[in-house]
Amino acid sequence: MHAMPETEIERFLREYLDHLEIEQGRSPRTRANYERYLREFLRFSRVRTAAGITDAVARDFRIALARRAKGAGISRGAVGPEGIIKKNTQGYYAIALRNFLRYLAKRDVATLAADKLELPKMPSRQIEILDYADLERLMAAPKGGGLRALRDRAVLETFFSTGLRLAELCALDRYLDLKRGEVSVRGKGGKLRIVFFSDRARAAIHAYLARRSDADAALFISLTRDGKPIGRITPRAVERLIAARAREAGIARRIHPHELRHSFATDLLMNGADLRSVQELLGHSNIATTQIYTHLTNKALREVHEAFHGKRRRGEK
């Protein structure tokens, strides 16, 4: 059997995905996500050319996604997205399609104008952070001088000291210059930034590495039940590590590693750091992403104001 010839739109999609990874430096994971969103659109719309992407086709796809969010069926026969999706995931489909249309326009390909595709209103992002007492209990949860406890303490201190993303922490190598207390990391989109280790983080890492007897290049390694190293730590292993230490610390809800990144950012802002500096330390491309933390710090400042301002006028002591 002969393979079906590649359609025009499939060729453009393949070239766009290569452009994302090579010219724009996006990660393989980002490429895979964009491919998934756009292929769902192509399966639903059945377009074969760029000119086939019309306002009506895009609108029908958006309606199908909206119905999917409500658990309803879709209208274009059996072809199209299946299963219920969250409302904010609809936005990812729209963003991927809009960026693809922009790429086609830059290549002077006749298709729907990207600006014709409106993005859905996204629900406001809810961020959870640890309060300071819970944070300190979590940091103190790993007890003793065994390799697992030393590793877990170093992981927790590194997260809070650097504000690293989970994948960035897992990618760290052990040959750090702990004297300088800083390291260059490659974040989203291949963007380089410098992160800094506090004295407590450096001390925790030093104690942990002093106990290591393996030659693995990874800074943080996974361990078997009996404490034997089995290679670079995985994101899932870090999630389990933090969840277990949170339970030991008596924290009732589940804690995700990203909450330590949130705590890093809010701690800086609460202590007077400017937003641009925090943006650089977090590796955000857009300052609007960093601004979500100001809502948290404003709330905390309001609580301080309510607790301490005007006490004498209220007759309190």
C-alpha atoms as a PDB file:
ATOM      1  CA  MET A   1       0.000   0.000   0.000  1.00  0.00           C
ATOM      2  CA  HIS A   2       1.216   3.451  -0.896  1.00  0.00           C
ATOM      3  CA  ALA A   3       1.225   6.171   1.755  1.00  0.00           C
ATOM      4  CA  MET A   4      -1.219   8.998   1.190  1.00  0.00           C
ATOM      5  CA  PRO A   5       0.520  12.048  -0.307  1.00  0.00           C
ATOM      6  CA  GLU A   6       1.121  14.913   2.120  1.00  0.00           C
ATOM      7  CA  THR A   7      -1.431  17.694   1.764  1.00  0.00           C
ATOM      8  CA  GLU A   8      -0.428  21.344   1.562  1.00  0.00           C
ATOM      9  CA  ILE A   9      -1.625  22.088   5.097  1.00  0.00           C
ATOM     10  CA  GLU A  10       0.212  19.065   6.503  1.00  0.00           C
ATOM     11  CA  ARG A  11       3.434  20.297   4.880  1.00  0.00           C
ATOM     12  CA  PHE A  12       2.931  23.770   6.342  1.00  0.00           C
ATOM     13  CA  LEU A  13       2.269  22.247   9.767  1.00  0.00           C
ATOM     14  CA  ARG A  14       5.445  20.150   9.603  1.00  0.00           C
ATOM     15  CA  GLU A  15       7.487  23.198   8.587  1.00  0.00           C
ATOM     16  CA  TYR A  16       5.896  25.300  11.323  1.00  0.00           C
ATOM     17  CA  LEU A  17       6.741  22.729  14.002  1.00  0.00           C
ATOM     18  CA  ASP A  18      10.345  22.657  12.779  1.00  0.00           C
ATOM     19  CA  HIS A  19      10.361  26.473  12.929  1.00  0.00           C
ATOM     20  CA  LEU A  20       9.131  26.373  16.533  1.00  0.00           C
ATOM     21  CA  GLU A  21      11.896  24.018  17.624  1.00  0.00           C
ATOM     22  CA  ILE A  22      14.798  25.347  15.539  1.00  0.00           C
ATOM     23  CA  GLU A  23      14.278  29.079  14.938  1.00  0.00           C
ATOM     24  CA  GLN A  24      12.291  29.852  18.085  1.00  0.00           C
ATOM     25  CA  GLY A  25      14.183  27.441  20.352  1.00  0.00           C
ATOM     26  CA  ARG A  26      11.031  25.892  21.837  1.00  0.00           C
ATOM     27  CA  SER A  27      11.396  22.641  23.759  1.00  0.00           C
ATOM     28  CA  PRO A  28      10.408  19.267  22.257  1.00  0.00           C
ATOM     29  CA  ARG A  29       7.561  19.194  24.776  1.00  0.00           C
ATOM     30  CA  THR A  30       6.206  22.535  23.512  1.00  0.00           C
ATOM     31  CA  ARG A  31       6.476  21.264  19.942  1.00  0.00           C
ATOM     32  CA  ALA A  32       4.548  18.118  20.884  1.00  0.00           C
ATOM     33  CA  ASN A  33       1.795  20.167  22.552  1.00  0.00           C
ATOM     34  CA  TYR A  34       1.422  22.474  19.536  1.00  0.00           C
ATOM     35  CA  GLU A  35       1.333  19.475  17.199  1.00  0.00           C
ATOM     36  CA  ARG A  36      -1.398  17.837  19.263  1.00  0.00           C
ATOM     37  CA  TYR A  37      -3.583  20.967  19.327  1.00  0.00           C
ATOM     38  CA  LEU A  38      -3.147  21.704  15.624  1.00  0.00           C
ATOM     39  CA  ARG A  39      -3.645  18.123  14.453  1.00  0.00           C
ATOM     40  CA  GLU A  40      -6.932  18.021  16.368  1.00  0.00           C
ATOM     41  CA  PHE A  41      -7.969  21.124  14.438  1.00  0.00           C
ATOM     42  CA  LEU A  42      -6.997  19.512  11.116  1.00  0.00           C
ATOM     43  CA  ARG A  43      -8.846  16.289  11.963  1.00  0.00           C
ATOM     44  CA  PHE A  44     -11.949  18.268  12.886  1.00  0.00           C
ATOM     45  CA  SER A  45     -11.897  20.735   9.987  1.00  0.00           C
ATOM     46  CA  ARG A  46     -10.658  18.332   7.293  1.00  0.00           C
ATOM     47  CA  VAL A  47      -8.984  21.263   5.531  1.00  0.00           C
ATOM     48  CA  ARG A  48      -6.313  20.353   2.989  1.00  0.00           C
ATOM     49  CA  THR A  49      -5.025  23.828   2.127  1.00  0.00           C
ATOM     50  CA  ALA A  50      -4.187  26.973   4.065  1.00  0.00           C
ATOM     51  CA  ALA A  51      -6.943  28.808   2.158  1.00  0.00           C
ATOM     52  CA  GLY A  52      -9.384  26.254   3.571  1.00  0.00           C
ATOM     53  CA  ILE A  53      -8.946  27.726   7.050  1.00  0.00           C
ATOM     54  CA  THR A  54     -11.830  30.196   7.077  1.00  0.00           C
ATOM     55  CA  ASP A  55     -13.547  32.177   9.771  1.00  0.00           C
ATOM     56  CA  ALA A  56     -16.479  29.727   9.671  1.00  0.00           C
ATOM     57  CA  VAL A  57     -14.205  26.678  10.061  1.00  0.00           C
ATOM     58  CA  ALA A  58     -12.355  28.226  12.992  1.00  0.00           C
ATOM     59  CA  ARG A  59     -15.650  29.244  14.622  1.00  0.00           C
ATOM     60  CA  ASP A  60     -17.069  25.723  14.270  1.00  0.00           C
ATOM     61  CA  PHE A  61     -13.961  24.314  15.922  1.00  0.00           C
ATOM     62  CA  ARG A  62     -14.256  26.799  18.799  1.00  0.00           C
ATOM     63  CA  ILE A  63     -17.906  25.822  19.270  1.00  0.00           C
ATOM     64  CA  ALA A  64     -16.896  22.158  19.335  1.00  0.00           C
ATOM     65  CA  LEU A  65     -14.307  22.880  22.025  1.00  0.00           C
ATOM     66  CA  ALA A  66     -16.825  24.863  24.079  1.00  0.00           C
ATOM     67  CA  ARG A  67     -19.317  21.977  23.896  1.00  0.00           C
ATOM     68  CA  ARG A  68     -16.551  19.603  24.842  1.00  0.00           C
ATOM     69  CA  ALA A  69     -15.921  21.673  27.968  1.00  0.00           C
ATOM     70  CA  LYS A  70     -19.564  21.157  28.894  1.00  0.00           C
ATOM     71  CA  GLY A  71     -19.450  17.435  28.123  1.00  0.00           C
ATOM     72  CA  ALA A  72     -21.675  17.801  25.049  1.00  0.00           C
ATOM     73  CA  GLY A  73     -21.192  16.317  21.596  1.00  0.00           C
ATOM     74  CA  ILE A  74     -19.744  17.994  18.526  1.00  0.00           C
ATOM     75  CA  SER A  75     -21.282  18.852  15.190  1.00  0.00           C
ATOM     76  CA  ARG A  76     -18.953  17.714  12.393  1.00  0.00           C
ATOM     77  CA  GLY A  77     -19.788  14.021  12.248  1.00  0.00           C
ATOM     78  CA  ALA A  78     -17.479  11.620  14.024  1.00  0.00           C
ATOM     79  CA  VAL A  79     -14.325  13.608  13.296  1.00  0.00           C
ATOM     80  CA  GLY A  80     -13.062  16.002  15.900  1.00  0.00           C
ATOM     81  CA  PRO A  81     -12.012  16.389  19.526  1.00  0.00           C
ATOM     82  CA  GLU A  82     -13.304  13.819  21.980  1.00  0.00           C
ATOM     83  CA  GLY A  83     -13.664  13.968  25.734  1.00  0.00           C
ATOM     84  CA  ILE A  84     -14.237  16.801  28.179  1.00  0.00           C
ATOM     85  CA  ILE A  85     -11.578  19.510  28.442  1.00  0.00           C
ATOM     86  CA  LYS A  86     -11.133  22.348  30.889  1.00  0.00           C
ATOM     87  CA  LYS A  87     -11.993  25.869  29.821  1.00  0.00           C
ATOM     88  CA  ASN A  88      -8.411  27.120  30.003  1.00  0.00           C
ATOM     89  CA  THR A  89      -7.297  24.255  27.725  1.00  0.00           C
ATOM     90  CA  GLN A  90      -9.581  25.707  25.035  1.00  0.00           C
ATOM     91  CA  GLY A  91      -7.321  28.734  25.146  1.00  0.00           C
ATOM     92  CA  TYR A  92      -4.261  26.633  24.318  1.00  0.00           C
ATOM     93  CA  TYR A  93      -5.955  25.334  21.155  1.00  0.00           C
ATOM     94  CA  ALA A  94      -6.832  28.883  20.104  1.00  0.00           C
ATOM     95  CA  ILE A  95      -3.321  30.190  20.867  1.00  0.00           C
ATOM     96  CA  ALA A  96      -1.710  27.383  18.857  1.00  0.00           C
ATOM     97  CA  LEU A  97      -3.985  27.992  15.872  1.00  0.00           C
ATOM     98  CA  ARG A  98      -3.490  31.754  16.042  1.00  0.00           C
ATOM     99  CA  ASN A  99       0.317  31.413  16.119  1.00  0.00           C
ATOM    100  CA  PHE A 100       0.179  28.982  13.186  1.00  0.00           C
ATOM    101  CA  LEU A 101      -1.879  31.499  11.188  1.00  0.00           C
ATOM    102  CA  ARG A 102       0.670  34.234  11.997  1.00  0.00           C
ATOM    103  CA  TYR A 103       3.467  31.992  10.730  1.00  0.00           C
ATOM    104  CA  LEU A 104       1.566  31.399   7.477  1.00  0.00           C
ATOM    105  CA  ALA A 105       0.962  35.140   7.064  1.00  0.00           C
ATOM    106  CA  LYS A 106       4.688  35.856   7.457  1.00  0.00           C
ATOM    107  CA  ARG A 107       5.299  33.431   4.613  1.00  0.00           C
ATOM    108  CA  ASP A 108       2.707  35.282   2.497  1.00  0.00           C
ATOM    109  CA  VAL A 109       0.429  32.252   2.447  1.00  0.00           C
ATOM    110  CA  ALA A 110      -3.235  33.103   1.815  1.00  0.00           C
ATOM    111  CA  THR A 111      -5.244  32.025   4.856  1.00  0.00           C
ATOM    112  CA  LEU A 112      -7.429  33.369   7.670  1.00  0.00           C
ATOM    113  CA  ALA A 113      -5.940  36.460   9.352  1.00  0.00           C
ATOM    114  CA  ALA A 114      -4.733  35.587  12.851  1.00  0.00           C
ATOM    115  CA  ASP A 115      -6.442  38.655  14.329  1.00  0.00           C
ATOM    116  CA  LYS A 116      -9.810  37.283  13.206  1.00  0.00           C
ATOM    117  CA  LEU A 117      -9.407  34.489  15.731  1.00  0.00           C
ATOM    118  CA  GLU A 118     -10.326  35.869  19.132  1.00  0.00           C
ATOM    119  CA  LEU A 119      -8.860  34.199  22.192  1.00  0.00           C
ATOM    120  CA  PRO A 120     -11.318  33.026  24.845  1.00  0.00           C
ATOM    121  CA  LYS A 121     -11.442  34.816  28.164  1.00  0.00           C
ATOM    122  CA  MET A 122      -9.260  32.804  30.492  1.00  0.00           C
ATOM    123  CA  PRO A 123     -10.262  32.300  34.119  1.00  0.00           C
ATOM    124  CA  SER A 124      -8.046  34.214  36.530  1.00  0.00           C
ATOM    125  CA  ARG A 125      -5.129  32.080  37.594  1.00  0.00           C
ATOM    126  CA  GLN A 126      -5.263  30.861  41.151  1.00  0.00           C
ATOM    127  CA  ILE A 127      -1.928  30.567  42.897  1.00  0.00           C
ATOM    128  CA  GLU A 128      -1.386  28.737  46.125  1.00  0.00           C
ATOM    129  CA  ILE A 129       1.586  29.436  48.345  1.00  0.00           C
ATOM    130  CA  LEU A 130       2.683  28.046  51.658  1.00  0.00           C
ATOM    131  CA  ASP A 131       2.301  30.293  54.645  1.00  0.00           C
ATOM    132  CA  TYR A 132       5.579  30.910  56.419  1.00  0.00           C
ATOM    133  CA  ALA A 133       4.953  28.520  59.324  1.00  0.00           C
ATOM    134  CA  ASP A 134       4.124  25.648  56.949  1.00  0.00           C
ATOM    135  CA  LEU A 135       7.159  26.498  54.814  1.00  0.00           C
ATOM    136  CA  GLU A 136       9.503  26.273  57.799  1.00  0.00           C
ATOM    137  CA  ARG A 137       7.942  22.992  58.918  1.00  0.00           C
ATOM    138  CA  LEU A 138       8.354  21.573  55.427  1.00  0.00           C
ATOM    139  CA  MET A 139      12.012  22.624  55.273  1.00  0.00           C
ATOM    140  CA  ALA A 140      12.666  20.994  58.649  1.00  0.00           C
ATOM    141  CA  ALA A 141      10.831  17.740  57.816  1.00  0.00           C
ATOM    142  CA  PRO A 142      13.849  15.726  56.530  1.00  0.00           C
ATOM    143  CA  LYS A 143      15.575  14.546  59.710  1.00  0.00           C
ATOM    144  CA  GLY A 144      18.905  12.830  60.228  1.00  0.00           C
ATOM    145  CA  GLY A 145      22.114  12.475  58.250  1.00  0.00           C
ATOM    146  CA  GLY A 146      21.142   9.700  55.837  1.00  0.00           C
ATOM    147  CA  LEU A 147      21.532  10.264  52.092  1.00  0.00           C
ATOM    148  CA  ARG A 148      17.762  10.470  51.479  1.00  0.00           C
ATOM    149  CA  ALA A 149      17.197  13.051  54.219  1.00  0.00           C
ATOM    150  CA  LEU A 150      20.196  15.099  53.074  1.00  0.00           C
ATOM    151  CA  ARG A 151      19.007  14.977  49.468  1.00  0.00           C
ATOM    152  CA  ASP A 152      15.455  15.980  50.354  1.00  0.00           C
ATOM    153  CA  ARG A 153      16.663  18.873  52.512  1.00  0.00           C
ATOM    154  CA  ALA A 154      18.889  20.060  49.645  1.00  0.00           C
ATOM    155  CA  VAL A 155      16.012  19.801  47.150  1.00  0.00           C
ATOM    156  CA  LEU A 156      13.691  21.870  49.351  1.00  0.00           C
ATOM    157  CA  GLU A 157      16.291  24.527  50.116  1.00  0.00           C
ATOM    158  CA  THR A 158      17.288  24.757  46.441  1.00  0.00           C
ATOM    159  CA  PHE A 159      13.684  25.229  45.319  1.00  0.00           C
ATOM    160  CA  PHE A 160      13.034  28.026  47.797  1.00  0.00           C
ATOM    161  CA  SER A 161      16.413  29.680  47.233  1.00  0.00           C
ATOM    162  CA  THR A 162      16.382  29.713  43.427  1.00  0.00           C
ATOM    163  CA  GLY A 163      12.730  29.681  42.325  1.00  0.00           C
ATOM    164  CA  LEU A 164      13.595  27.035  39.738  1.00  0.00           C
ATOM    165  CA  ARG A 165      10.941  25.238  37.728  1.00  0.00           C
ATOM    166  CA  LEU A 166      10.625  21.524  38.430  1.00  0.00           C
ATOM    167  CA  ALA A 167      12.287  20.457  35.155  1.00  0.00           C
ATOM    168  CA  GLU A 168      15.091  22.966  35.686  1.00  0.00           C
ATOM    169  CA  LEU A 169      15.858  21.587  39.137  1.00  0.00           C
ATOM    170  CA  CYS A 170      15.937  18.013  37.834  1.00  0.00           C
ATOM    171  CA  ALA A 171      18.374  19.068  35.073  1.00  0.00           C
ATOM    172  CA  LEU A 172      20.988  20.527  37.461  1.00  0.00           C
ATOM    173  CA  ASP A 173      24.402  18.882  37.437  1.00  0.00           C
ATOM    174  CA  ARG A 174      26.462  18.272  40.550  1.00  0.00           C
ATOM    175  CA  TYR A 175      29.551  20.247  39.534  1.00  0.00           C
ATOM    176  CA  LEU A 176      28.350  23.560  40.907  1.00  0.00           C
ATOM    177  CA  ASP A 177      30.539  26.408  42.053  1.00  0.00           C
ATOM    178  CA  LEU A 178      29.137  26.522  45.580  1.00  0.00           C
ATOM    179  CA  LYS A 179      31.630  29.219  46.516  1.00  0.00           C
ATOM    180  CA  ARG A 180      30.091  31.614  43.998  1.00  0.00           C
ATOM    181  CA  GLY A 181      26.635  30.362  44.890  1.00  0.00           C
ATOM    182  CA  GLU A 182      25.166  30.809  41.436  1.00  0.00           C
ATOM    183  CA  VAL A 183      24.517  28.751  38.322  1.00  0.00           C
ATOM    184  CA  SER A 184      23.313  29.394  34.786  1.00  0.00           C
ATOM    185  CA  VAL A 185      20.164  27.476  33.830  1.00  0.00           C
ATOM    186  CA  ARG A 186      18.383  27.082  30.515  1.00  0.00           C
ATOM    187  CA  GLY A 187      14.663  27.623  30.969  1.00  0.00           C
ATOM    188  CA  LYS A 188      11.632  27.751  28.692  1.00  0.00           C
ATOM    189  CA  GLY A 189      12.375  28.567  25.074  1.00  0.00           C
ATOM    190  CA  GLY A 190      16.079  27.895  25.678  1.00  0.00           C
ATOM    191  CA  LYS A 191      16.386  31.171  27.587  1.00  0.00           C
ATOM    192  CA  LEU A 192      19.439  31.391  29.865  1.00  0.00           C
ATOM    193  CA  ARG A 193      19.345  33.021  33.284  1.00  0.00           C
ATOM    194  CA  ILE A 194      21.397  33.075  36.460  1.00  0.00           C
ATOM    195  CA  VAL A 195      19.940  31.714  39.708  1.00  0.00           C
ATOM    196  CA  PHE A 196      21.438  32.143  43.150  1.00  0.00           C
ATOM    197  CA  PHE A 197      21.810  29.814  46.114  1.00  0.00           C
ATOM    198  CA  SER A 198      21.302  31.071  49.656  1.00  0.00           C
ATOM    199  CA  ASP A 199      23.776  30.154  52.400  1.00  0.00           C
ATOM    200  CA  ARG A 200      21.292  27.581  53.712  1.00  0.00           C
ATOM    201  CA  ALA A 201      20.887  26.025  50.272  1.00  0.00           C
ATOM    202  CA  ARG A 202      24.652  25.882  49.720  1.00  0.00           C
ATOM    203  CA  ALA A 203      25.186  24.250  53.118  1.00  0.00           C
ATOM    204  CA  ALA A 204      22.450  21.686  52.408  1.00  0.00           C
ATOM    205  CA  ILE A 205      23.887  20.832  48.979  1.00  0.00           C
ATOM    206  CA  HIS A 206      27.419  20.581  50.367  1.00  0.00           C
ATOM    207  CA  ALA A 207      26.302  18.158  53.106  1.00  0.00           C
ATOM    208  CA  TYR A 208      24.354  16.087  50.595  1.00  0.00           C
ATOM    209  CA  LEU A 209      27.199  15.855  48.057  1.00  0.00           C
ATOM    210  CA  ALA A 210      29.670  14.952  50.813  1.00  0.00           C
ATOM    211  CA  ARG A 211      27.540  11.869  51.509  1.00  0.00           C
ATOM    212  CA  ARG A 212      27.323  10.819  47.842  1.00  0.00           C
ATOM    213  CA  SER A 213      29.596   7.962  46.781  1.00  0.00           C
ATOM    214  CA  ASP A 214      28.397   7.555  43.177  1.00  0.00           C
ATOM    215  CA  ALA A 215      29.849   9.210  40.066  1.00  0.00           C
ATOM    216  CA  ASP A 216      26.545  10.326  38.510  1.00  0.00           C
ATOM    217  CA  ALA A 217      26.759  13.806  36.990  1.00  0.00           C
ATOM    218  CA  ALA A 218      23.249  14.718  38.186  1.00  0.00           C
ATOM    219  CA  LEU A 219      22.992  16.964  41.231  1.00  0.00           C
ATOM    220  CA  PHE A 220      19.854  15.246  42.507  1.00  0.00           C
ATOM    221  CA  ILE A 221      19.472  11.497  42.078  1.00  0.00           C
ATOM    222  CA  SER A 222      16.672   9.021  42.640  1.00  0.00           C
ATOM    223  CA  LEU A 223      17.193   6.374  45.299  1.00  0.00           C
ATOM    224  CA  THR A 224      15.933   2.830  45.725  1.00  0.00           C
ATOM    225  CA  ARG A 225      14.059   1.868  48.884  1.00  0.00           C
ATOM    226  CA  ASP A 226      17.341   0.848  50.469  1.00  0.00           C
ATOM    227  CA  GLY A 227      19.022   4.121  49.481  1.00  0.00           C
ATOM    228  CA  LYS A 228      20.996   3.080  46.399  1.00  0.00           C
ATOM    229  CA  PRO A 229      21.366   5.706  43.626  1.00  0.00           C
ATOM    230  CA  ILE A 230      19.588   4.904  40.355  1.00  0.00           C
ATOM    231  CA  GLY A 231      20.253   7.938  38.160  1.00  0.00           C
ATOM    232  CA  ARG A 232      19.022  11.488  37.737  1.00  0.00           C
ATOM    233  CA  ILE A 233      15.915  12.347  39.713  1.00  0.00           C
ATOM    234  CA  THR A 234      12.675  12.624  37.744  1.00  0.00           C
ATOM    235  CA  PRO A 235       9.968  15.292  38.116  1.00  0.00           C
ATOM    236  CA  ARG A 236       7.547  12.629  39.369  1.00  0.00           C
ATOM    237  CA  ALA A 237      10.033  11.531  42.042  1.00  0.00           C
ATOM    238  CA  VAL A 238      10.388  15.156  43.232  1.00  0.00           C
ATOM    239  CA  GLU A 239       6.591  15.502  43.418  1.00  0.00           C
ATOM    240  CA  ARG A 240       6.389  12.363  45.564  1.00  0.00           C
ATOM    241  CA  LEU A 241       9.289  13.555  47.723  1.00  0.00           C
ATOM    242  CA  ILE A 242       7.637  16.887  48.486  1.00  0.00           C
ATOM    243  CA  ALA A 243       4.212  15.324  49.081  1.00  0.00           C
ATOM    244  CA  ALA A 244       5.751  12.863  51.569  1.00  0.00           C
ATOM    245  CA  ARG A 245       7.710  15.553  53.414  1.00  0.00           C
ATOM    246  CA  ALA A 246       4.604  17.756  53.572  1.00  0.00           C
ATOM    247  CA  ARG A 247       2.693  14.920  55.263  1.00  0.00           C
ATOM    248  CA  GLU A 248       5.542  14.495  57.746  1.00  0.00           C
ATOM    249  CA  ALA A 249       5.379  18.231  58.443  1.00  0.00           C
ATOM    250  CA  GLY A 250       1.684  17.939  59.285  1.00  0.00           C
ATOM    251  CA  ILE A 251       0.496  19.948  56.271  1.00  0.00           C
ATOM    252  CA  ALA A 252      -3.005  18.703  55.492  1.00  0.00           C
ATOM    253  CA  ARG A 253      -3.247  19.546  51.792  1.00  0.00           C
ATOM    254  CA  ARG A 254      -1.093  18.242  48.948  1.00  0.00           C
ATOM    255  CA  ILE A 255       1.893  20.446  48.140  1.00  0.00           C
ATOM    256  CA  HIS A 256       3.199  20.718  44.569  1.00  0.00           C
ATOM    257  CA  PRO A 257       6.840  21.676  43.837  1.00  0.00           C
ATOM    258  CA  HIS A 258       5.662  24.779  41.951  1.00  0.00           C
ATOM    259  CA  GLU A 259       4.350  26.202  45.234  1.00  0.00           C
ATOM    260  CA  LEU A 260       7.954  26.611  46.374  1.00  0.00           C
ATOM    261  CA  ARG A 261       8.617  28.667  43.236  1.00  0.00           C
ATOM    262  CA  HIS A 262       5.557  30.768  44.084  1.00  0.00           C
ATOM    263  CA  SER A 263       6.816  31.159  47.645  1.00  0.00           C
ATOM    264  CA  PHE A 264      10.215  32.280  46.331  1.00  0.00           C
ATOM    265  CA  ALA A 265       8.590  35.001  44.215  1.00  0.00           C
ATOM    266  CA  THR A 266       6.217  36.297  46.885  1.00  0.00           C
ATOM    267  CA  ASP A 267       8.971  36.276  49.507  1.00  0.00           C
ATOM    268  CA  LEU A 268      11.097  38.538  47.294  1.00  0.00           C
ATOM    269  CA  LEU A 269       8.220  40.928  46.585  1.00  0.00           C
ATOM    270  CA  MET A 270       7.118  41.089  50.226  1.00  0.00           C
ATOM    271  CA  ASN A 271      10.660  42.006  51.201  1.00  0.00           C
ATOM    272  CA  GLY A 272      10.871  44.887  48.734  1.00  0.00           C
ATOM    273  CA  ALA A 273      12.243  43.396  45.491  1.00  0.00           C
ATOM    274  CA  ASP A 274      11.100  45.181  42.322  1.00  0.00           C
ATOM    275  CA  LEU A 275       8.927  43.364  39.812  1.00  0.00           C
ATOM    276  CA  ARG A 276      11.467  43.492  36.949  1.00  0.00           C
ATOM    277  CA  SER A 277      14.144  41.804  39.071  1.00  0.00           C
ATOM    278  CA  VAL A 278      11.736  39.071  40.119  1.00  0.00           C
ATOM    279  CA  GLN A 279      10.797  38.607  36.460  1.00  0.00           C
ATOM    280  CA  GLU A 280      14.480  38.015  35.605  1.00  0.00           C
ATOM    281  CA  LEU A 281      15.006  35.625  38.504  1.00  0.00           C
ATOM    282  CA  LEU A 282      11.952  33.562  37.548  1.00  0.00           C
ATOM    283  CA  GLY A 283      12.827  33.549  33.844  1.00  0.00           C
ATOM    284  CA  HIS A 284       9.476  34.982  32.727  1.00  0.00           C
ATOM    285  CA  SER A 285       9.470  36.333  29.164  1.00  0.00           C
ATOM    286  CA  ASN A 286       6.492  38.580  29.893  1.00  0.00           C
ATOM    287  CA  ILE A 287       6.209  40.720  33.022  1.00  0.00           C
ATOM    288  CA  ALA A 288       2.436  40.155  32.994  1.00  0.00           C
ATOM    289  CA  THR A 289       3.182  36.592  34.123  1.00  0.00           C
ATOM    290  CA  THR A 290       5.123  37.938  37.091  1.00  0.00           C
ATOM    291  CA  GLN A 291       2.390  40.417  37.975  1.00  0.00           C
ATOM    292  CA  ILE A 292       0.098  37.599  39.141  1.00  0.00           C
ATOM    293  CA  TYR A 293       2.187  37.519  42.311  1.00  0.00           C
ATOM    294  CA  THR A 294       1.352  41.141  43.158  1.00  0.00           C
ATOM    295  CA  HIS A 295      -2.235  40.073  43.903  1.00  0.00           C
ATOM    296  CA  LEU A 296      -0.901  37.789  46.622  1.00  0.00           C
ATOM    297  CA  THR A 297       1.452  40.357  48.080  1.00  0.00           C
ATOM    298  CA  ASN A 298      -1.271  43.027  48.009  1.00  0.00           C
ATOM    299  CA  LYS A 299      -3.563  40.683  49.936  1.00  0.00           C
ATOM    300  CA  ALA A 300      -0.843  40.009  52.507  1.00  0.00           C
ATOM    301  CA  LEU A 301      -0.126  43.731  52.865  1.00  0.00           C
ATOM    302  CA  ARG A 302      -3.842  44.407  53.380  1.00  0.00           C
ATOM    303  CA  GLU A 303      -3.871  41.863  56.215  1.00  0.00           C
ATOM    304  CA  VAL A 304      -0.863  43.616  57.793  1.00  0.00           C
ATOM    305  CA  HIS A 305      -2.634  46.963  57.439  1.00  0.00           C
ATOM    306  CA  GLU A 306      -5.831  45.675  59.005  1.00  0.00           C
ATOM    307  CA  ALA A 307      -3.935  44.029  61.861  1.00  0.00           C
ATOM    308  CA  PHE A 308      -1.671  46.930  62.807  1.00  0.00           C
ATOM    309  CA  HIS A 309      -3.018  50.227  61.472  1.00  0.00           C
ATOM    310  CA  GLY A 310      -5.086  52.486  63.700  1.00  0.00           C
ATOM    311  CA  LYS A 311      -5.070  50.200  66.738  1.00  0.00           C
ATOM    312  CA  ARG A 312      -5.039  53.140  69.177  1.00  0.00           C
ATOM    313  CA  ARG A 313      -8.003  54.736  67.417  1.00  0.00           C
ATOM    314  CA  ARG A 314      -9.917  51.489  67.821  1.00  0.00           C
ATOM    315  CA  GLY A 315      -9.028  51.436  71.501  1.00  0.00           C
ATOM    316  CA  GLU A 316      -6.889  48.307  71.156  1.00  0.00           C
ATOM    317  CA  LYS A 317      -3.643  47.638  72.953  1.00  0.00           C
END
